[in-house]
Amino acid sequence: MYFRRRNSVEGINGYAKDPLYERLEDAGTRRIRGIAAQTLLLAFQLAHANRLELRAWADSIALHDDRPRHRPTRRRKTKPLGTWTPKGYVTRS
């Protein structure tokens, strides 16, 4: 049980540190002098990341017998394996 919880926490940390999302590791996103000001802005960034994660979670569950409101996955639709064969292996008579 510990490892599942640890993995979920590390996943959220990775999301917060990702350069495409919150960029917490990049101090250039907090251009202000002083450790107290830096800490305060970092707290706001963490709160924003947590809010986005909670909103994504809330949109993925069904409330009051409604369907979940999450966006569909962006995965490609795959073709069945029987629709494609390499050239030269299947001949039609």
N, C-alpha and C. Protein backbone atom coordinates (compact mmCIF):
# COMPACT_ATOMS: atom_id res chain seq x y z
N MET A 1 0.82 -1.18 0.00
CA MET A 1 0.00 0.00 0.00
C MET A 1 0.87 1.26 0.00
N TYR A 2 2.00 1.20 0.69
CA TYR A 2 2.88 2.36 0.76
C TYR A 2 3.38 2.75 -0.62
N PHE A 3 3.74 1.76 -1.44
CA PHE A 3 4.33 2.07 -2.73
C PHE A 3 3.31 2.68 -3.69
N ARG A 4 2.05 2.28 -3.59
CA ARG A 4 1.02 2.90 -4.44
C ARG A 4 0.87 4.37 -4.10
N ARG A 5 0.80 4.66 -2.82
CA ARG A 5 0.66 6.06 -2.41
C ARG A 5 1.91 6.85 -2.77
N ARG A 6 3.05 6.24 -2.59
CA ARG A 6 4.31 6.92 -2.92
C ARG A 6 4.37 7.22 -4.42
N ASN A 7 3.95 6.27 -5.26
CA ASN A 7 3.95 6.48 -6.70
C ASN A 7 3.00 7.61 -7.09
N SER A 8 1.85 7.69 -6.45
CA SER A 8 0.92 8.76 -6.80
C SER A 8 1.47 10.12 -6.39
N VAL A 9 2.15 10.19 -5.25
CA VAL A 9 2.76 11.46 -4.83
C VAL A 9 3.88 11.85 -5.77
N GLU A 10 4.70 10.89 -6.16
CA GLU A 10 5.79 11.21 -7.09
C GLU A 10 5.24 11.60 -8.46
N GLY A 11 4.12 11.02 -8.86
CA GLY A 11 3.50 11.42 -10.13
C GLY A 11 3.04 12.86 -10.10
N ILE A 12 2.45 13.27 -8.99
CA ILE A 12 2.02 14.66 -8.86
C ILE A 12 3.22 15.59 -8.81
N ASN A 13 4.29 15.17 -8.14
CA ASN A 13 5.52 15.97 -8.11
C ASN A 13 6.09 16.11 -9.52
N GLY A 14 6.07 15.04 -10.28
CA GLY A 14 6.55 15.11 -11.65
C GLY A 14 5.71 16.04 -12.50
N TYR A 15 4.40 16.04 -12.28
CA TYR A 15 3.51 16.96 -13.00
C TYR A 15 3.85 18.40 -12.65
N ALA A 16 4.07 18.67 -11.36
CA ALA A 16 4.36 20.03 -10.93
C ALA A 16 5.73 20.50 -11.43
N LYS A 17 6.68 19.61 -11.60
CA LYS A 17 8.01 19.99 -12.06
C LYS A 17 8.14 19.98 -13.58
N ASP A 18 7.15 19.46 -14.28
CA ASP A 18 7.21 19.33 -15.73
C ASP A 18 7.30 20.72 -16.38
N PRO A 19 8.24 20.92 -17.30
CA PRO A 19 8.37 22.23 -17.93
C PRO A 19 7.17 22.65 -18.76
N LEU A 20 6.31 21.73 -19.13
CA LEU A 20 5.14 22.08 -19.92
C LEU A 20 3.95 22.49 -19.06
N TYR A 21 4.02 22.25 -17.76
CA TYR A 21 2.89 22.58 -16.89
C TYR A 21 3.26 23.65 -15.88
N GLU A 22 3.64 23.28 -14.69
CA GLU A 22 3.87 24.26 -13.62
C GLU A 22 5.29 24.80 -13.55
N ARG A 23 6.27 24.05 -13.94
CA ARG A 23 7.69 24.46 -13.96
C ARG A 23 8.17 24.91 -12.59
N LEU A 24 7.96 24.10 -11.57
CA LEU A 24 8.38 24.48 -10.22
C LEU A 24 9.89 24.50 -10.05
N GLU A 25 10.60 23.67 -10.80
CA GLU A 25 12.05 23.64 -10.66
C GLU A 25 12.71 24.87 -11.25
N ASP A 26 12.04 25.53 -12.19
CA ASP A 26 12.61 26.69 -12.86
C ASP A 26 12.35 27.93 -12.02
N ALA A 27 13.38 28.47 -11.40
CA ALA A 27 13.22 29.66 -10.57
C ALA A 27 12.92 30.90 -11.40
N GLY A 28 13.12 30.82 -12.70
CA GLY A 28 12.82 31.95 -13.57
C GLY A 28 11.34 32.25 -13.65
N THR A 29 10.49 31.33 -13.24
CA THR A 29 9.05 31.60 -13.23
C THR A 29 8.66 32.47 -12.05
N ARG A 30 9.57 32.62 -11.07
CA ARG A 30 9.30 33.45 -9.89
C ARG A 30 10.36 34.55 -9.83
N ARG A 31 10.21 35.57 -10.63
CA ARG A 31 11.22 36.64 -10.70
C ARG A 31 10.95 37.69 -9.64
N ILE A 32 11.44 37.42 -8.46
CA ILE A 32 11.29 38.35 -7.35
C ILE A 32 12.43 38.08 -6.38
N ARG A 33 12.86 39.10 -5.68
CA ARG A 33 13.97 38.93 -4.73
C ARG A 33 13.45 38.55 -3.36
N GLY A 34 14.25 37.79 -2.64
CA GLY A 34 13.94 37.45 -1.27
C GLY A 34 13.40 36.04 -1.13
N ILE A 35 13.86 35.36 -0.10
CA ILE A 35 13.45 33.97 0.10
C ILE A 35 12.00 33.88 0.56
N ALA A 36 11.53 34.87 1.31
CA ALA A 36 10.13 34.84 1.75
C ALA A 36 9.19 35.02 0.57
N ALA A 37 9.51 35.94 -0.32
CA ALA A 37 8.67 36.16 -1.50
C ALA A 37 8.71 34.95 -2.41
N GLN A 38 9.90 34.35 -2.59
CA GLN A 38 10.01 33.14 -3.41
C GLN A 38 9.16 32.01 -2.83
N THR A 39 9.20 31.86 -1.50
CA THR A 39 8.43 30.81 -0.85
C THR A 39 6.94 31.03 -1.02
N LEU A 40 6.51 32.26 -0.91
CA LEU A 40 5.10 32.57 -1.07
C LEU A 40 4.62 32.29 -2.49
N LEU A 41 5.39 32.70 -3.47
CA LEU A 41 5.01 32.43 -4.86
C LEU A 41 5.05 30.93 -5.16
N LEU A 42 6.00 30.22 -4.60
CA LEU A 42 6.05 28.77 -4.77
C LEU A 42 4.82 28.11 -4.17
N ALA A 43 4.36 28.63 -3.02
CA ALA A 43 3.14 28.08 -2.41
C ALA A 43 1.93 28.30 -3.32
N PHE A 44 1.86 29.45 -3.97
CA PHE A 44 0.76 29.70 -4.90
C PHE A 44 0.83 28.77 -6.10
N GLN A 45 2.04 28.52 -6.60
CA GLN A 45 2.18 27.60 -7.73
C GLN A 45 1.77 26.19 -7.34
N LEU A 46 2.16 25.76 -6.14
CA LEU A 46 1.75 24.42 -5.68
C LEU A 46 0.24 24.33 -5.50
N ALA A 47 -0.37 25.38 -4.98
CA ALA A 47 -1.82 25.40 -4.81
C ALA A 47 -2.51 25.32 -6.17
N HIS A 48 -1.96 26.00 -7.16
CA HIS A 48 -2.54 25.95 -8.51
C HIS A 48 -2.42 24.54 -9.10
N ALA A 49 -1.28 23.91 -8.93
CA ALA A 49 -1.09 22.55 -9.44
C ALA A 49 -2.06 21.59 -8.75
N ASN A 50 -2.22 21.73 -7.43
CA ASN A 50 -3.16 20.87 -6.72
C ASN A 50 -4.59 21.10 -7.17
N ARG A 51 -4.94 22.35 -7.42
CA ARG A 51 -6.30 22.67 -7.89
C ARG A 51 -6.57 22.03 -9.25
N LEU A 52 -5.59 22.08 -10.15
CA LEU A 52 -5.76 21.45 -11.46
C LEU A 52 -5.91 19.95 -11.34
N GLU A 53 -5.12 19.33 -10.46
CA GLU A 53 -5.23 17.88 -10.27
C GLU A 53 -6.58 17.51 -9.69
N LEU A 54 -7.05 18.27 -8.72
CA LEU A 54 -8.36 17.98 -8.13
C LEU A 54 -9.49 18.20 -9.12
N ARG A 55 -9.38 19.22 -9.95
CA ARG A 55 -10.41 19.44 -10.96
C ARG A 55 -10.44 18.30 -11.98
N ALA A 56 -9.27 17.82 -12.38
CA ALA A 56 -9.22 16.70 -13.32
C ALA A 56 -9.83 15.45 -12.68
N TRP A 57 -9.57 15.25 -11.39
CA TRP A 57 -10.15 14.10 -10.70
C TRP A 57 -11.66 14.24 -10.60
N ALA A 58 -12.14 15.44 -10.25
CA ALA A 58 -13.58 15.64 -10.11
C ALA A 58 -14.30 15.49 -11.44
N ASP A 59 -13.66 15.87 -12.53
CA ASP A 59 -14.28 15.71 -13.84
C ASP A 59 -14.31 14.27 -14.30
N SER A 60 -13.48 13.42 -13.69
CA SER A 60 -13.42 12.03 -14.14
C SER A 60 -14.38 11.12 -13.38
N ILE A 61 -15.07 11.61 -12.36
CA ILE A 61 -16.01 10.78 -11.63
C ILE A 61 -17.43 11.19 -11.98
N ALA A 62 -18.35 10.27 -11.84
CA ALA A 62 -19.75 10.53 -12.15
C ALA A 62 -20.48 10.96 -10.88
N LEU A 63 -21.22 12.06 -10.97
CA LEU A 63 -21.99 12.56 -9.85
C LEU A 63 -23.48 12.55 -10.19
N HIS A 64 -24.30 12.18 -9.25
CA HIS A 64 -25.76 12.20 -9.41
C HIS A 64 -26.19 11.40 -10.63
N ASP A 65 -25.63 10.25 -10.83
CA ASP A 65 -25.95 9.34 -11.94
C ASP A 65 -25.70 9.96 -13.31
N ASP A 66 -24.83 10.95 -13.39
CA ASP A 66 -24.45 11.54 -14.67
C ASP A 66 -23.19 10.85 -15.18
N ARG A 67 -22.90 11.11 -16.43
CA ARG A 67 -21.67 10.57 -17.00
C ARG A 67 -20.50 11.45 -16.59
N PRO A 68 -19.30 10.90 -16.52
CA PRO A 68 -18.13 11.73 -16.20
C PRO A 68 -17.91 12.79 -17.27
N ARG A 69 -17.38 13.94 -16.87
CA ARG A 69 -17.19 15.05 -17.79
C ARG A 69 -15.76 15.17 -18.29
N HIS A 70 -15.00 14.10 -18.27
CA HIS A 70 -13.60 14.20 -18.70
C HIS A 70 -13.50 14.14 -20.21
N ARG A 71 -12.41 14.67 -20.72
CA ARG A 71 -12.18 14.64 -22.15
C ARG A 71 -11.80 13.23 -22.58
N PRO A 72 -12.14 12.83 -23.77
CA PRO A 72 -11.73 11.51 -24.23
C PRO A 72 -10.22 11.44 -24.41
N THR A 73 -9.68 10.26 -24.34
CA THR A 73 -8.24 10.10 -24.50
C THR A 73 -7.84 10.47 -25.92
N ARG A 74 -6.58 10.84 -26.07
CA ARG A 74 -6.09 11.26 -27.37
C ARG A 74 -5.34 10.13 -28.07
N ARG A 75 -5.66 8.90 -27.72
CA ARG A 75 -5.00 7.76 -28.34
C ARG A 75 -5.54 7.53 -29.74
N ARG A 76 -4.66 7.04 -30.60
CA ARG A 76 -5.10 6.72 -31.95
C ARG A 76 -5.95 5.47 -31.94
N LYS A 77 -6.87 5.41 -32.85
CA LYS A 77 -7.65 4.19 -33.04
C LYS A 77 -6.79 3.20 -33.82
N THR A 78 -6.67 2.00 -33.31
CA THR A 78 -5.85 0.99 -33.98
C THR A 78 -6.71 0.13 -34.87
N LYS A 79 -6.11 -0.33 -35.93
CA LYS A 79 -6.80 -1.21 -36.86
C LYS A 79 -6.66 -2.64 -36.36
N PRO A 80 -7.62 -3.50 -36.66
CA PRO A 80 -7.46 -4.91 -36.30
C PRO A 80 -6.25 -5.52 -37.03
N LEU A 81 -5.63 -6.49 -36.41
CA LEU A 81 -4.42 -7.09 -36.99
C LEU A 81 -4.69 -7.79 -38.31
N GLY A 82 -5.90 -8.24 -38.53
CA GLY A 82 -6.22 -8.95 -39.76
C GLY A 82 -6.36 -8.05 -40.98
N THR A 83 -6.36 -6.74 -40.79
CA THR A 83 -6.54 -5.84 -41.94
C THR A 83 -5.23 -5.54 -42.65
N TRP A 84 -4.11 -5.86 -42.06
CA TRP A 84 -2.83 -5.53 -42.67
C TRP A 84 -1.96 -6.77 -42.72
N THR A 85 -1.34 -7.01 -43.85
CA THR A 85 -0.37 -8.09 -43.97
C THR A 85 0.80 -7.57 -44.81
N PRO A 86 2.00 -8.06 -44.56
CA PRO A 86 3.15 -7.63 -45.35
C PRO A 86 3.00 -8.04 -46.80
N LYS A 87 3.62 -7.29 -47.69
CA LYS A 87 3.56 -7.62 -49.11
C LYS A 87 4.28 -8.92 -49.39
N GLY A 88 3.67 -9.72 -50.24
CA GLY A 88 4.31 -10.97 -50.65
C GLY A 88 3.94 -12.17 -49.79
N TYR A 89 3.29 -11.97 -48.65
CA TYR A 89 2.96 -13.10 -47.80
C TYR A 89 1.57 -13.65 -48.04
N VAL A 90 0.68 -12.81 -48.49
CA VAL A 90 -0.68 -13.26 -48.75
C VAL A 90 -0.96 -13.05 -50.22
N THR A 91 -1.37 -14.10 -50.87
CA THR A 91 -1.72 -13.99 -52.29
C THR A 91 -3.17 -14.35 -52.44
N ARG A 92 -3.83 -13.62 -53.29
CA ARG A 92 -5.25 -13.90 -53.56
C ARG A 92 -5.35 -14.66 -54.86
N SER A 93 -6.13 -15.68 -54.86
CA SER A 93 -6.27 -16.50 -56.06
C SER A 93 -7.59 -16.23 -56.74
